[in-house]
């Protein structure tokens, strides 16, 4: 686990593009947060160049296989994605664990996590790690 750097751009773009394709049409995906660009290129640029965003990289066998996205102040984990072919190997848990440590040591606050309303896998991951829902945020339907 590590913080993403500029030379991770291509690997991140591949993963973010996969995340968008995987979540296309999915209800409530966290990647559709209004505060973030809604296209892979724009999101990757934000992940690498915005001081209010920290992007984490997870690797399996030396290959970038997952990412997590934290908005700072207070730290919120707003997106996590693990490539489907390496799921259920602990990478998601490791990314959340690293994000929790980083939040406390570098941002001075406990991490909270945002899960899309229809994203059961994300919700299940957070619940397995001891997170519990505190707030339900509703948004108007977009045309």
Protein backbone atom coordinates (compact mmCIF):
# COMPACT_ATOMS: atom_id res chain seq x y z
CA UNK A 1 0.00 0.00 0.00
CA UNK A 2 1.19 3.46 -0.81
CA UNK A 3 0.11 6.93 -1.81
CA UNK A 4 -0.22 7.31 -5.59
CA UNK A 5 2.41 9.35 -7.43
CA UNK A 6 2.57 10.94 -10.87
CA UNK A 7 4.20 7.84 -12.41
CA UNK A 8 1.12 5.82 -11.37
CA UNK A 9 -1.03 7.78 -13.82
CA UNK A 10 -1.43 5.08 -16.51
CA UNK A 11 -2.07 2.26 -14.04
CA UNK A 12 -4.58 4.45 -12.17
CA UNK A 13 -6.30 5.44 -15.40
CA UNK A 14 -6.70 1.77 -16.30
CA UNK A 15 -8.18 0.97 -12.86
CA UNK A 16 -10.44 4.03 -12.75
CA UNK A 17 -11.71 3.27 -16.25
CA UNK A 18 -12.45 -0.28 -15.08
CA UNK A 19 -14.21 1.06 -11.99
CA UNK A 20 -16.40 3.34 -14.09
CA UNK A 21 -17.26 0.48 -16.48
CA UNK A 22 -17.91 -1.90 -13.60
CA UNK A 23 -20.19 0.63 -11.90
CA UNK A 24 -21.94 1.86 -15.06
CA UNK A 25 -25.62 1.89 -14.38
CA UNK A 26 -25.11 0.81 -10.78
CA UNK A 27 -27.27 2.66 -8.36
CA UNK A 28 -25.42 4.84 -5.87
CA UNK A 29 -21.83 4.30 -6.87
CA UNK A 30 -19.53 6.51 -4.79
CA UNK A 31 -17.55 7.41 -7.93
CA UNK A 32 -20.44 9.69 -8.89
CA UNK A 33 -19.90 12.13 -6.03
CA UNK A 34 -20.67 15.67 -7.16
CA UNK A 35 -17.40 16.96 -5.69
CA UNK A 36 -15.36 14.77 -8.05
CA UNK A 37 -15.02 14.67 -11.84
CA UNK A 38 -17.36 12.15 -13.42
CA UNK A 39 -14.94 10.90 -16.06
CA UNK A 40 -11.88 8.66 -15.67
CA UNK A 41 -9.31 11.17 -17.03
CA UNK A 42 -10.63 14.01 -14.88
CA UNK A 43 -10.80 11.84 -11.78
CA UNK A 44 -7.24 10.59 -12.21
CA UNK A 45 -6.00 14.16 -12.64
CA UNK A 46 -7.81 15.12 -9.43
CA UNK A 47 -6.41 12.07 -7.64
CA UNK A 48 -2.85 13.06 -8.52
CA UNK A 49 -2.95 16.86 -8.38
CA UNK A 50 -5.44 17.93 -5.72
CA UNK A 51 -4.27 18.62 -2.16
CA UNK A 52 -7.75 17.84 -0.83
CA UNK A 53 -7.59 14.30 -2.24
CA UNK A 54 -5.30 11.40 -1.36
CA UNK A 55 -5.22 8.42 -3.70
CA UNK A 56 -3.92 5.11 -2.43
CA UNK A 57 -2.59 2.28 -4.57
CA UNK A 58 -2.74 -1.42 -3.78
CA UNK A 59 -0.68 -3.97 -5.66
CA UNK A 60 -0.91 -7.71 -6.08
CA UNK A 61 2.15 -9.45 -7.49
CA UNK A 62 3.68 -6.10 -8.44
CA UNK A 63 0.63 -5.10 -10.50
CA UNK A 64 -1.52 -2.11 -9.51
CA UNK A 65 -4.78 -3.86 -8.70
CA UNK A 66 -6.77 -1.49 -6.52
CA UNK A 67 -7.17 2.07 -5.35
CA UNK A 68 -8.84 4.00 -2.59
CA UNK A 69 -9.72 7.68 -2.65
CA UNK A 70 -9.76 9.83 0.49
CA UNK A 71 -11.09 13.37 0.72
CA UNK A 72 -9.22 15.23 3.45
CA UNK A 73 -10.55 17.46 6.23
CA UNK A 74 -12.14 15.46 7.79
CA UNK A 75 -10.85 12.28 6.14
CA UNK A 76 -13.56 10.40 4.22
CA UNK A 77 -12.96 7.29 2.15
CA UNK A 78 -15.19 8.06 -0.84
CA UNK A 79 -14.20 5.35 -3.30
CA UNK A 80 -12.51 1.99 -3.26
CA UNK A 81 -12.04 -0.38 -6.16
CA UNK A 82 -10.28 -3.72 -6.46
CA UNK A 83 -9.90 -5.37 -9.86
CA UNK A 84 -12.41 -8.24 -10.12
CA UNK A 85 -9.72 -10.86 -10.84
CA UNK A 86 -7.98 -10.23 -7.48
CA UNK A 87 -10.97 -9.77 -5.20
CA UNK A 88 -11.38 -11.76 -1.99
CA UNK A 89 -7.63 -11.75 -1.34
CA UNK A 90 -7.57 -9.01 1.29
CA UNK A 91 -6.60 -6.07 -0.90
CA UNK A 92 -9.75 -4.09 -0.06
CA UNK A 93 -9.18 -4.68 3.65
CA UNK A 94 -5.54 -3.63 3.30
CA UNK A 95 -6.50 -0.43 1.46
CA UNK A 96 -9.03 0.50 4.15
CA UNK A 97 -6.50 -0.31 6.89
CA UNK A 98 -3.86 1.87 5.28
CA UNK A 99 -6.42 4.66 4.81
CA UNK A 100 -7.36 4.44 8.50
CA UNK A 101 -3.73 4.69 9.59
CA UNK A 102 -3.04 7.58 7.22
CA UNK A 103 -6.15 9.44 8.41
CA UNK A 104 -5.07 9.32 12.04
CA UNK A 105 -1.32 9.87 11.57
CA UNK A 106 -1.34 12.44 8.76
CA UNK A 107 -4.78 14.05 8.94
CA UNK A 108 -5.32 13.90 12.70
CA UNK A 109 -8.81 12.40 12.62
CA UNK A 110 -10.58 9.06 12.35
CA UNK A 111 -11.60 7.87 8.91
CA UNK A 112 -15.23 7.69 7.84
CA UNK A 113 -16.34 5.82 4.74
CA UNK A 114 -18.96 6.53 2.08
CA UNK A 115 -20.67 3.60 0.39
CA UNK A 116 -23.02 3.92 -2.55
CA UNK A 117 -26.62 3.03 -1.66
CA UNK A 118 -26.70 0.13 -4.12
CA UNK A 119 -23.13 -1.07 -3.61
CA UNK A 120 -23.55 -4.13 -1.40
CA UNK A 121 -19.94 -5.28 -1.77
CA UNK A 122 -18.60 -1.95 -0.54
CA UNK A 123 -21.11 -1.82 2.32
CA UNK A 124 -20.27 -5.40 3.32
CA UNK A 125 -16.53 -4.65 3.31
CA UNK A 126 -16.97 -1.67 5.60
CA UNK A 127 -19.31 -3.55 7.94
CA UNK A 128 -16.87 -6.48 8.14
CA UNK A 129 -14.23 -3.96 9.26
CA UNK A 130 -16.46 -2.59 12.03
CA UNK A 131 -18.06 0.38 10.28
CA UNK A 132 -21.74 1.09 10.90
CA UNK A 133 -24.13 3.39 9.06
CA UNK A 134 -24.69 6.72 10.80
CA UNK A 135 -26.33 8.85 8.14
CA UNK A 136 -28.35 8.25 5.00
CA UNK A 137 -27.96 11.02 2.45
CA UNK A 138 -30.64 11.34 -0.20
CA UNK A 139 -30.16 13.01 -3.58
CA UNK A 140 -32.72 14.03 -6.18
CA UNK A 141 -32.88 11.81 -9.24
CA UNK A 142 -31.02 13.16 -12.23
CA UNK A 143 -32.73 13.16 -15.61
